[in-house]
N, C-alpha and C. Protein backbone atom coordinates (compact mmCIF):
# COMPACT_ATOMS: atom_id res chain seq x y z
N MET A 1 -0.61 -35.56 9.00
CA MET A 1 -0.95 -34.56 9.99
C MET A 1 -0.46 -33.17 9.56
N ILE A 2 0.79 -33.09 9.14
CA ILE A 2 1.35 -31.79 8.76
C ILE A 2 0.62 -31.26 7.52
N ASP A 3 0.28 -32.15 6.57
CA ASP A 3 -0.42 -31.70 5.38
C ASP A 3 -1.74 -31.03 5.72
N THR A 4 -2.47 -31.56 6.69
CA THR A 4 -3.75 -30.96 7.05
C THR A 4 -3.56 -29.67 7.85
N LEU A 5 -2.46 -29.60 8.59
CA LEU A 5 -2.22 -28.39 9.38
C LEU A 5 -1.89 -27.20 8.50
N PHE A 6 -1.27 -27.44 7.38
CA PHE A 6 -0.78 -26.32 6.58
C PHE A 6 -1.54 -26.14 5.27
N THR A 7 -2.82 -26.39 5.31
CA THR A 7 -3.66 -25.99 4.19
C THR A 7 -3.74 -24.46 4.25
N PRO A 8 -4.08 -23.83 3.14
CA PRO A 8 -4.12 -22.35 3.16
C PRO A 8 -4.99 -21.77 4.27
N VAL A 9 -6.06 -22.47 4.63
CA VAL A 9 -6.97 -21.94 5.63
C VAL A 9 -6.37 -22.07 7.03
N ASN A 10 -5.70 -23.17 7.31
CA ASN A 10 -5.25 -23.46 8.67
C ASN A 10 -3.83 -23.02 8.97
N ARG A 11 -3.02 -22.67 7.97
CA ARG A 11 -1.61 -22.39 8.20
C ARG A 11 -1.39 -21.27 9.22
N GLU A 12 -2.04 -20.13 9.01
CA GLU A 12 -1.83 -18.99 9.90
C GLU A 12 -2.29 -19.31 11.31
N ARG A 13 -3.46 -19.93 11.45
CA ARG A 13 -3.97 -20.28 12.76
C ARG A 13 -3.05 -21.27 13.46
N THR A 14 -2.52 -22.25 12.73
CA THR A 14 -1.64 -23.25 13.32
C THR A 14 -0.35 -22.62 13.80
N VAL A 15 0.24 -21.75 13.00
CA VAL A 15 1.47 -21.08 13.41
C VAL A 15 1.23 -20.24 14.64
N ASN A 16 0.13 -19.50 14.69
CA ASN A 16 -0.17 -18.67 15.85
C ASN A 16 -0.43 -19.52 17.09
N ASP A 17 -1.16 -20.64 16.95
CA ASP A 17 -1.40 -21.53 18.08
C ASP A 17 -0.09 -22.12 18.58
N HIS A 18 0.79 -22.49 17.65
CA HIS A 18 2.07 -23.07 18.04
C HIS A 18 2.93 -22.05 18.78
N LEU A 19 2.93 -20.81 18.30
CA LEU A 19 3.68 -19.75 18.98
C LEU A 19 3.12 -19.51 20.38
N THR A 20 1.80 -19.42 20.49
CA THR A 20 1.16 -19.18 21.78
C THR A 20 1.46 -20.32 22.75
N GLU A 21 1.39 -21.54 22.26
CA GLU A 21 1.66 -22.71 23.11
C GLU A 21 3.08 -22.67 23.63
N ASN A 22 4.05 -22.33 22.78
CA ASN A 22 5.44 -22.28 23.20
C ASN A 22 5.72 -21.11 24.14
N VAL A 23 5.06 -20.00 23.93
CA VAL A 23 5.29 -18.84 24.79
C VAL A 23 4.82 -19.11 26.21
N TYR A 24 3.67 -19.72 26.34
CA TYR A 24 3.09 -19.88 27.66
C TYR A 24 3.38 -21.24 28.31
N LYS A 25 4.17 -22.08 27.65
CA LYS A 25 4.52 -23.37 28.23
C LYS A 25 5.44 -23.14 29.44
N ASN A 26 5.12 -23.75 30.55
CA ASN A 26 5.91 -23.68 31.78
C ASN A 26 6.08 -22.26 32.30
N VAL A 27 5.08 -21.44 32.13
CA VAL A 27 5.15 -20.06 32.60
C VAL A 27 3.94 -19.78 33.48
N ASP A 28 4.17 -19.06 34.57
CA ASP A 28 3.07 -18.66 35.43
C ASP A 28 2.18 -17.69 34.67
N VAL A 29 0.89 -17.98 34.65
CA VAL A 29 -0.05 -17.15 33.91
C VAL A 29 -0.07 -15.73 34.42
N ASN A 30 0.14 -15.53 35.71
CA ASN A 30 0.11 -14.19 36.28
C ASN A 30 1.46 -13.49 36.24
N GLY A 31 2.50 -14.15 35.72
CA GLY A 31 3.84 -13.57 35.67
C GLY A 31 3.91 -12.48 34.62
N PRO A 32 4.88 -11.58 34.78
CA PRO A 32 5.01 -10.48 33.82
C PRO A 32 5.44 -10.99 32.44
N ILE A 33 5.06 -10.28 31.43
CA ILE A 33 5.35 -10.68 30.06
C ILE A 33 6.85 -10.68 29.78
N ALA A 34 7.62 -9.85 30.49
CA ALA A 34 9.07 -9.82 30.28
C ALA A 34 9.69 -11.18 30.57
N GLU A 35 9.18 -11.88 31.60
CA GLU A 35 9.70 -13.20 31.91
C GLU A 35 9.40 -14.17 30.78
N VAL A 36 8.24 -14.06 30.18
CA VAL A 36 7.87 -14.94 29.07
C VAL A 36 8.82 -14.70 27.91
N VAL A 37 9.10 -13.45 27.61
CA VAL A 37 9.98 -13.14 26.50
C VAL A 37 11.39 -13.62 26.78
N GLU A 38 11.87 -13.47 28.03
CA GLU A 38 13.21 -13.93 28.37
C GLU A 38 13.32 -15.44 28.26
N GLN A 39 12.30 -16.17 28.68
CA GLN A 39 12.36 -17.62 28.66
C GLN A 39 12.28 -18.18 27.24
N ASN A 40 11.56 -17.54 26.38
CA ASN A 40 11.37 -18.03 25.02
C ASN A 40 11.72 -16.94 24.03
N SER A 41 12.93 -16.96 23.53
CA SER A 41 13.30 -15.96 22.54
C SER A 41 12.58 -16.26 21.23
N VAL A 42 12.53 -15.28 20.38
CA VAL A 42 11.87 -15.45 19.09
C VAL A 42 12.55 -16.56 18.30
N LYS A 43 13.86 -16.62 18.39
CA LYS A 43 14.60 -17.65 17.66
C LYS A 43 14.18 -19.04 18.12
N GLU A 44 14.04 -19.23 19.43
CA GLU A 44 13.60 -20.53 19.95
C GLU A 44 12.19 -20.86 19.48
N LEU A 45 11.33 -19.84 19.46
CA LEU A 45 9.95 -20.07 19.02
C LEU A 45 9.91 -20.48 17.55
N LEU A 46 10.69 -19.81 16.74
CA LEU A 46 10.67 -20.10 15.32
C LEU A 46 11.29 -21.45 14.99
N VAL A 47 12.24 -21.90 15.78
CA VAL A 47 12.86 -23.21 15.55
C VAL A 47 11.84 -24.32 15.74
N ASN A 48 10.89 -24.15 16.63
CA ASN A 48 9.92 -25.19 16.94
C ASN A 48 8.74 -25.25 15.97
N ILE A 49 8.65 -24.32 15.05
CA ILE A 49 7.53 -24.32 14.10
C ILE A 49 7.88 -25.24 12.94
N PRO A 50 7.05 -26.25 12.69
CA PRO A 50 7.32 -27.10 11.52
C PRO A 50 7.05 -26.33 10.23
N VAL A 51 7.98 -26.40 9.30
CA VAL A 51 7.85 -25.67 8.04
C VAL A 51 7.78 -26.67 6.91
N VAL A 52 6.80 -26.49 6.06
CA VAL A 52 6.66 -27.32 4.88
C VAL A 52 7.07 -26.47 3.69
N GLU A 53 8.13 -26.88 3.01
CA GLU A 53 8.60 -26.12 1.86
C GLU A 53 7.63 -26.29 0.70
N GLN A 54 7.17 -25.17 0.16
CA GLN A 54 6.28 -25.19 -0.99
C GLN A 54 6.78 -24.16 -1.99
N GLU A 55 6.63 -24.50 -3.24
CA GLU A 55 6.95 -23.54 -4.28
C GLU A 55 5.89 -22.45 -4.29
N PRO A 56 6.28 -21.19 -4.43
CA PRO A 56 5.28 -20.13 -4.53
C PRO A 56 4.42 -20.36 -5.78
N GLN A 57 3.14 -20.10 -5.64
CA GLN A 57 2.27 -20.27 -6.80
C GLN A 57 2.20 -18.98 -7.59
N ALA A 58 1.96 -19.13 -8.87
CA ALA A 58 1.92 -17.98 -9.77
C ALA A 58 0.64 -17.17 -9.54
N VAL A 59 0.80 -15.88 -9.62
CA VAL A 59 -0.34 -14.97 -9.49
C VAL A 59 -1.01 -14.88 -10.87
N PRO A 60 -2.35 -14.91 -10.93
CA PRO A 60 -3.03 -14.78 -12.22
C PRO A 60 -2.60 -13.50 -12.93
N SER A 61 -2.46 -13.59 -14.24
CA SER A 61 -1.91 -12.46 -15.02
C SER A 61 -2.78 -11.21 -14.92
N PHE A 62 -4.10 -11.36 -14.86
CA PHE A 62 -4.95 -10.17 -14.78
C PHE A 62 -4.81 -9.46 -13.44
N VAL A 63 -4.51 -10.19 -12.39
CA VAL A 63 -4.26 -9.56 -11.08
C VAL A 63 -2.91 -8.85 -11.12
N LYS A 64 -1.92 -9.51 -11.69
CA LYS A 64 -0.59 -8.92 -11.79
C LYS A 64 -0.62 -7.65 -12.65
N LYS A 65 -1.40 -7.68 -13.75
CA LYS A 65 -1.51 -6.49 -14.61
C LYS A 65 -2.14 -5.33 -13.85
N ARG A 66 -3.17 -5.63 -13.06
CA ARG A 66 -3.84 -4.58 -12.28
C ARG A 66 -2.86 -3.99 -11.27
N LEU A 67 -2.12 -4.85 -10.59
CA LEU A 67 -1.15 -4.40 -9.60
C LEU A 67 -0.07 -3.55 -10.25
N ASP A 68 0.44 -4.01 -11.39
CA ASP A 68 1.48 -3.25 -12.10
C ASP A 68 0.96 -1.91 -12.62
N SER A 69 -0.27 -1.89 -13.12
CA SER A 69 -0.81 -0.63 -13.65
C SER A 69 -1.01 0.38 -12.52
N TRP A 70 -1.45 -0.09 -11.36
CA TRP A 70 -1.58 0.82 -10.22
C TRP A 70 -0.22 1.35 -9.78
N TYR A 71 0.78 0.50 -9.82
CA TYR A 71 2.13 0.91 -9.43
C TYR A 71 2.64 2.00 -10.38
N ILE A 72 2.42 1.80 -11.67
CA ILE A 72 2.83 2.80 -12.66
C ILE A 72 2.05 4.10 -12.45
N ALA A 73 0.76 3.99 -12.14
CA ALA A 73 -0.05 5.18 -11.89
C ALA A 73 0.46 5.93 -10.65
N ILE A 74 0.83 5.19 -9.62
CA ILE A 74 1.37 5.82 -8.41
C ILE A 74 2.59 6.66 -8.75
N TRP A 75 3.53 6.08 -9.49
CA TRP A 75 4.73 6.81 -9.85
C TRP A 75 4.42 7.98 -10.79
N GLY A 76 3.50 7.77 -11.70
CA GLY A 76 3.12 8.85 -12.62
C GLY A 76 2.54 10.05 -11.88
N PHE A 77 1.65 9.77 -10.92
CA PHE A 77 1.06 10.87 -10.16
C PHE A 77 2.09 11.56 -9.26
N ALA A 78 3.00 10.78 -8.69
CA ALA A 78 4.05 11.38 -7.85
C ALA A 78 4.97 12.27 -8.68
N ILE A 79 5.36 11.78 -9.85
CA ILE A 79 6.23 12.58 -10.73
C ILE A 79 5.50 13.83 -11.20
N CYS A 80 4.23 13.67 -11.55
CA CYS A 80 3.43 14.82 -11.99
C CYS A 80 3.37 15.89 -10.91
N ARG A 81 3.13 15.44 -9.70
CA ARG A 81 3.01 16.39 -8.59
C ARG A 81 4.30 17.19 -8.40
N TYR A 82 5.42 16.47 -8.33
CA TYR A 82 6.67 17.16 -8.05
C TYR A 82 7.19 17.92 -9.27
N LEU A 83 7.06 17.35 -10.45
CA LEU A 83 7.55 18.02 -11.65
C LEU A 83 6.82 19.34 -11.88
N PHE A 84 5.49 19.29 -11.88
CA PHE A 84 4.74 20.51 -12.15
C PHE A 84 4.70 21.43 -10.92
N GLY A 85 4.75 20.86 -9.73
CA GLY A 85 4.78 21.70 -8.53
C GLY A 85 6.05 22.50 -8.43
N ILE A 86 7.17 21.81 -8.56
CA ILE A 86 8.46 22.51 -8.49
C ILE A 86 8.64 23.43 -9.70
N GLY A 87 8.22 22.94 -10.88
CA GLY A 87 8.32 23.78 -12.08
C GLY A 87 7.50 25.05 -11.95
N GLY A 88 6.29 24.92 -11.41
CA GLY A 88 5.44 26.10 -11.24
C GLY A 88 6.03 27.10 -10.25
N ILE A 89 6.57 26.59 -9.15
CA ILE A 89 7.17 27.47 -8.14
C ILE A 89 8.40 28.17 -8.70
N LEU A 90 9.26 27.40 -9.39
CA LEU A 90 10.46 28.02 -9.96
C LEU A 90 10.11 29.06 -11.02
N ALA A 91 9.15 28.72 -11.88
CA ALA A 91 8.76 29.68 -12.92
C ALA A 91 8.15 30.94 -12.31
N ALA A 92 7.32 30.78 -11.28
CA ALA A 92 6.73 31.96 -10.61
C ALA A 92 7.80 32.80 -9.93
N THR A 93 8.77 32.16 -9.32
CA THR A 93 9.86 32.88 -8.65
C THR A 93 10.70 33.65 -9.67
N ILE A 94 11.04 32.99 -10.76
CA ILE A 94 11.83 33.66 -11.80
C ILE A 94 11.05 34.84 -12.39
N ALA A 95 9.75 34.64 -12.60
CA ALA A 95 8.93 35.73 -13.14
C ALA A 95 8.87 36.91 -12.17
N ALA A 96 8.84 36.59 -10.89
CA ALA A 96 8.74 37.66 -9.88
C ALA A 96 10.02 38.48 -9.78
N VAL A 97 11.16 37.86 -9.94
CA VAL A 97 12.42 38.59 -9.76
C VAL A 97 13.02 39.08 -11.07
N SER A 98 12.43 38.69 -12.18
CA SER A 98 12.99 39.06 -13.49
C SER A 98 12.75 40.55 -13.79
N THR A 99 13.74 41.17 -14.38
CA THR A 99 13.61 42.57 -14.79
C THR A 99 13.25 42.68 -16.26
N ASN A 100 13.44 41.61 -17.00
CA ASN A 100 13.11 41.57 -18.42
C ASN A 100 11.62 41.28 -18.58
N ALA A 101 10.92 42.12 -19.30
CA ALA A 101 9.47 41.98 -19.47
C ALA A 101 9.10 40.71 -20.23
N ASP A 102 9.90 40.36 -21.24
CA ASP A 102 9.61 39.14 -22.00
C ASP A 102 9.79 37.89 -21.13
N ALA A 103 10.85 37.85 -20.35
CA ALA A 103 11.10 36.71 -19.46
C ALA A 103 10.00 36.62 -18.41
N ARG A 104 9.59 37.75 -17.88
CA ARG A 104 8.52 37.77 -16.89
C ARG A 104 7.23 37.19 -17.47
N THR A 105 6.89 37.58 -18.69
CA THR A 105 5.70 37.06 -19.35
C THR A 105 5.83 35.57 -19.61
N TYR A 106 6.97 35.15 -20.13
CA TYR A 106 7.22 33.75 -20.46
C TYR A 106 7.11 32.87 -19.21
N PHE A 107 7.80 33.22 -18.13
CA PHE A 107 7.79 32.41 -16.91
C PHE A 107 6.45 32.49 -16.18
N SER A 108 5.73 33.58 -16.33
CA SER A 108 4.39 33.68 -15.74
C SER A 108 3.44 32.68 -16.40
N VAL A 109 3.54 32.57 -17.71
CA VAL A 109 2.71 31.62 -18.45
C VAL A 109 3.07 30.18 -18.06
N ILE A 110 4.35 29.88 -17.96
CA ILE A 110 4.79 28.53 -17.55
C ILE A 110 4.27 28.22 -16.15
N ALA A 111 4.37 29.16 -15.23
CA ALA A 111 3.88 28.94 -13.86
C ALA A 111 2.38 28.70 -13.86
N ALA A 112 1.65 29.48 -14.62
CA ALA A 112 0.19 29.31 -14.69
C ALA A 112 -0.18 27.95 -15.26
N ILE A 113 0.53 27.50 -16.28
CA ILE A 113 0.26 26.19 -16.87
C ILE A 113 0.55 25.07 -15.87
N CYS A 114 1.67 25.17 -15.20
CA CYS A 114 2.03 24.13 -14.21
C CYS A 114 1.00 24.04 -13.08
N ILE A 115 0.60 25.17 -12.56
CA ILE A 115 -0.38 25.19 -11.47
C ILE A 115 -1.75 24.71 -11.97
N ALA A 116 -2.10 25.07 -13.21
CA ALA A 116 -3.37 24.60 -13.78
C ALA A 116 -3.38 23.08 -13.94
N ILE A 117 -2.26 22.52 -14.37
CA ILE A 117 -2.18 21.06 -14.51
C ILE A 117 -2.34 20.39 -13.15
N ILE A 118 -1.69 20.92 -12.13
CA ILE A 118 -1.83 20.34 -10.78
C ILE A 118 -3.27 20.45 -10.30
N GLY A 119 -3.91 21.58 -10.57
CA GLY A 119 -5.30 21.75 -10.15
C GLY A 119 -6.26 20.86 -10.91
N PHE A 120 -5.98 20.61 -12.17
CA PHE A 120 -6.87 19.79 -12.99
C PHE A 120 -6.67 18.30 -12.73
N VAL A 121 -5.43 17.84 -12.70
CA VAL A 121 -5.11 16.42 -12.53
C VAL A 121 -5.28 15.98 -11.07
N LYS A 122 -5.02 16.87 -10.14
CA LYS A 122 -5.05 16.57 -8.71
C LYS A 122 -4.23 15.31 -8.39
N PRO A 123 -2.93 15.36 -8.66
CA PRO A 123 -2.11 14.17 -8.47
C PRO A 123 -2.03 13.70 -7.02
N ASP A 124 -2.20 14.60 -6.04
CA ASP A 124 -2.17 14.18 -4.63
C ASP A 124 -3.29 13.19 -4.34
N ASP A 125 -4.50 13.55 -4.75
CA ASP A 125 -5.66 12.70 -4.50
C ASP A 125 -5.55 11.38 -5.26
N SER A 126 -5.15 11.47 -6.51
CA SER A 126 -5.02 10.26 -7.32
C SER A 126 -3.94 9.34 -6.77
N TYR A 127 -2.83 9.93 -6.35
CA TYR A 127 -1.75 9.13 -5.75
C TYR A 127 -2.27 8.41 -4.51
N ARG A 128 -2.91 9.13 -3.64
CA ARG A 128 -3.40 8.55 -2.38
C ARG A 128 -4.38 7.41 -2.64
N ARG A 129 -5.31 7.60 -3.56
CA ARG A 129 -6.30 6.56 -3.86
C ARG A 129 -5.62 5.30 -4.38
N HIS A 130 -4.70 5.47 -5.30
CA HIS A 130 -4.06 4.31 -5.91
C HIS A 130 -3.07 3.62 -4.99
N VAL A 131 -2.38 4.36 -4.15
CA VAL A 131 -1.41 3.73 -3.26
C VAL A 131 -2.12 2.89 -2.19
N VAL A 132 -3.27 3.34 -1.72
CA VAL A 132 -4.03 2.55 -0.74
C VAL A 132 -4.48 1.24 -1.37
N ALA A 133 -5.03 1.31 -2.57
CA ALA A 133 -5.49 0.11 -3.26
C ALA A 133 -4.31 -0.81 -3.59
N TRP A 134 -3.20 -0.25 -4.05
CA TRP A 134 -2.03 -1.06 -4.41
C TRP A 134 -1.48 -1.79 -3.19
N ARG A 135 -1.34 -1.09 -2.08
CA ARG A 135 -0.80 -1.72 -0.86
C ARG A 135 -1.69 -2.87 -0.40
N TYR A 136 -2.99 -2.66 -0.44
CA TYR A 136 -3.93 -3.70 0.00
C TYR A 136 -3.84 -4.92 -0.91
N LEU A 137 -3.90 -4.69 -2.22
CA LEU A 137 -3.85 -5.81 -3.15
C LEU A 137 -2.49 -6.50 -3.13
N ASP A 138 -1.41 -5.73 -2.98
CA ASP A 138 -0.08 -6.32 -2.92
C ASP A 138 0.05 -7.26 -1.72
N ALA A 139 -0.49 -6.86 -0.58
CA ALA A 139 -0.45 -7.73 0.60
C ALA A 139 -1.22 -9.02 0.35
N LYS A 140 -2.37 -8.92 -0.29
CA LYS A 140 -3.17 -10.11 -0.59
C LYS A 140 -2.47 -10.99 -1.62
N VAL A 141 -1.79 -10.40 -2.59
CA VAL A 141 -1.04 -11.18 -3.59
C VAL A 141 0.07 -11.97 -2.89
N ASN A 142 0.75 -11.34 -1.95
CA ASN A 142 1.80 -12.06 -1.22
C ASN A 142 1.23 -13.23 -0.43
N LEU A 143 0.08 -13.06 0.18
CA LEU A 143 -0.56 -14.16 0.90
C LEU A 143 -0.98 -15.27 -0.06
N TYR A 144 -1.50 -14.89 -1.22
CA TYR A 144 -1.91 -15.88 -2.22
C TYR A 144 -0.71 -16.65 -2.76
N THR A 145 0.39 -15.95 -3.00
CA THR A 145 1.59 -16.58 -3.54
C THR A 145 2.06 -17.73 -2.67
N TYR A 146 1.96 -17.59 -1.37
CA TYR A 146 2.41 -18.64 -0.46
C TYR A 146 1.26 -19.48 0.08
N ARG A 147 0.14 -19.47 -0.66
CA ARG A 147 -1.00 -20.34 -0.39
C ARG A 147 -1.64 -20.12 0.98
N LEU A 148 -1.62 -18.89 1.43
CA LEU A 148 -2.25 -18.57 2.71
C LEU A 148 -3.69 -18.11 2.53
N ILE A 149 -4.04 -17.73 1.29
CA ILE A 149 -5.44 -17.42 0.97
C ILE A 149 -5.77 -18.09 -0.36
N SER A 150 -7.04 -18.26 -0.63
CA SER A 150 -7.49 -18.90 -1.86
C SER A 150 -7.63 -17.89 -3.00
N ILE A 151 -7.84 -18.40 -4.19
CA ILE A 151 -8.05 -17.53 -5.36
C ILE A 151 -9.32 -16.70 -5.18
N LYS A 152 -10.32 -17.28 -4.54
CA LYS A 152 -11.56 -16.54 -4.30
C LYS A 152 -11.29 -15.34 -3.41
N GLU A 153 -10.50 -15.53 -2.37
CA GLU A 153 -10.17 -14.42 -1.47
C GLU A 153 -9.32 -13.37 -2.18
N LEU A 154 -8.45 -13.82 -3.09
CA LEU A 154 -7.64 -12.87 -3.86
C LEU A 154 -8.52 -12.02 -4.78
N LEU A 155 -9.47 -12.66 -5.44
CA LEU A 155 -10.38 -11.92 -6.32
C LEU A 155 -11.27 -10.97 -5.52
N ASN A 156 -11.70 -11.40 -4.34
CA ASN A 156 -12.46 -10.50 -3.47
C ASN A 156 -11.61 -9.30 -3.06
N ALA A 157 -10.33 -9.55 -2.79
CA ALA A 157 -9.43 -8.47 -2.40
C ALA A 157 -9.24 -7.48 -3.55
N MET A 158 -9.17 -8.00 -4.78
CA MET A 158 -9.03 -7.12 -5.93
C MET A 158 -10.28 -6.25 -6.07
N SER A 159 -11.43 -6.84 -5.86
CA SER A 159 -12.68 -6.08 -5.91
C SER A 159 -12.74 -5.03 -4.80
N GLU A 160 -12.30 -5.40 -3.60
CA GLU A 160 -12.28 -4.46 -2.47
C GLU A 160 -11.31 -3.31 -2.75
N ALA A 161 -10.18 -3.61 -3.38
CA ALA A 161 -9.22 -2.55 -3.70
C ALA A 161 -9.82 -1.57 -4.69
N GLU A 162 -10.55 -2.09 -5.68
CA GLU A 162 -11.24 -1.21 -6.63
C GLU A 162 -12.25 -0.33 -5.89
N GLN A 163 -12.96 -0.92 -4.94
CA GLN A 163 -13.95 -0.15 -4.18
C GLN A 163 -13.26 0.89 -3.31
N MET A 164 -12.06 0.59 -2.82
CA MET A 164 -11.31 1.58 -2.03
C MET A 164 -11.02 2.82 -2.87
N ILE A 165 -10.65 2.61 -4.13
CA ILE A 165 -10.38 3.74 -5.01
C ILE A 165 -11.66 4.54 -5.21
N ASP A 166 -12.75 3.86 -5.49
CA ASP A 166 -14.03 4.54 -5.72
C ASP A 166 -14.53 5.22 -4.46
N LEU A 167 -14.42 4.55 -3.31
CA LEU A 167 -14.88 5.12 -2.04
C LEU A 167 -14.06 6.35 -1.68
N THR A 168 -12.76 6.25 -1.84
CA THR A 168 -11.90 7.39 -1.54
C THR A 168 -12.24 8.55 -2.46
N GLN A 169 -12.49 8.25 -3.74
CA GLN A 169 -12.83 9.31 -4.68
C GLN A 169 -14.16 9.96 -4.29
N SER A 170 -15.15 9.15 -3.91
CA SER A 170 -16.44 9.74 -3.53
C SER A 170 -16.31 10.52 -2.22
N ASN A 171 -15.45 10.07 -1.30
CA ASN A 171 -15.22 10.83 -0.07
C ASN A 171 -14.56 12.17 -0.38
N ILE A 172 -13.64 12.19 -1.33
CA ILE A 172 -12.99 13.43 -1.71
C ILE A 172 -14.01 14.38 -2.34
N ARG A 173 -14.85 13.84 -3.22
CA ARG A 173 -15.88 14.67 -3.85
C ARG A 173 -16.83 15.24 -2.81
N THR A 174 -17.28 14.41 -1.87
CA THR A 174 -18.21 14.86 -0.85
C THR A 174 -17.58 15.95 0.01
N TYR A 175 -16.31 15.77 0.39
CA TYR A 175 -15.62 16.76 1.21
C TYR A 175 -15.49 18.09 0.47
N THR A 176 -15.07 18.04 -0.79
CA THR A 176 -14.85 19.29 -1.52
C THR A 176 -16.17 19.99 -1.83
N GLU A 177 -17.23 19.20 -2.07
CA GLU A 177 -18.53 19.82 -2.34
C GLU A 177 -19.12 20.45 -1.09
N SER A 178 -18.96 19.79 0.07
CA SER A 178 -19.53 20.32 1.30
C SER A 178 -18.74 21.50 1.85
N SER A 179 -17.44 21.55 1.55
CA SER A 179 -16.63 22.65 2.07
C SER A 179 -16.56 23.83 1.11
N GLY A 180 -17.18 23.67 -0.06
CA GLY A 180 -17.21 24.78 -1.01
C GLY A 180 -15.92 24.95 -1.77
N LEU A 181 -15.07 23.93 -1.80
CA LEU A 181 -13.81 24.04 -2.52
C LEU A 181 -13.97 23.78 -3.99
C-alpha cells in the first residue's frame, strides 16, 4: 500500500490529502481556521505522515551542466554589472574633480569604457533572464532528485527554462524597440 502511495506521481497528492484529512478531522466545518490550527499543530500533522526513506537519485549530467553554466553566468553578469558600474562611476567622479589634465583624460577614458561595456553587454537583462531560468530548473531538479517528478517532466522543465530565457529576451527587445530606446 505504501509503495503505491509514494510513487513519484502520487507522493505530493497523498501528503496533501493526509494533511487535509488530519487538519479537518473532528473539527466543525464552519469553525474558524484558528481553532483548526490550535487543535492540530504542524508538528502533530507531520508526525502522522508516513515517510518512506529513499536515496536521492542522481541528476543527469547534461541537466547538471546546464544548471551549473547558468549559475556561473548569473555570477558573471552580476560581477560585470557592479565591477564596471562602480568603476565607471568612480572614474567619472575622479575625472570630474581632478585638476591634472592627464589624469582627467585618463579617468574619462576609463569611465567611457566602463559605461560602454555595461551598455553593450547589458548585464542587468542577462542576469534577470538567466536567474529566472536557473531558479525554475533548480526547483525541478530538486523535485526530480527526490522522485517527485519523472525524467520526462525534468526534460520538459529544462526546455521551458530555455524558452523563458528566449521569451524574456524577445520581450526585452520588443519593449526597447517600441519605446525607442
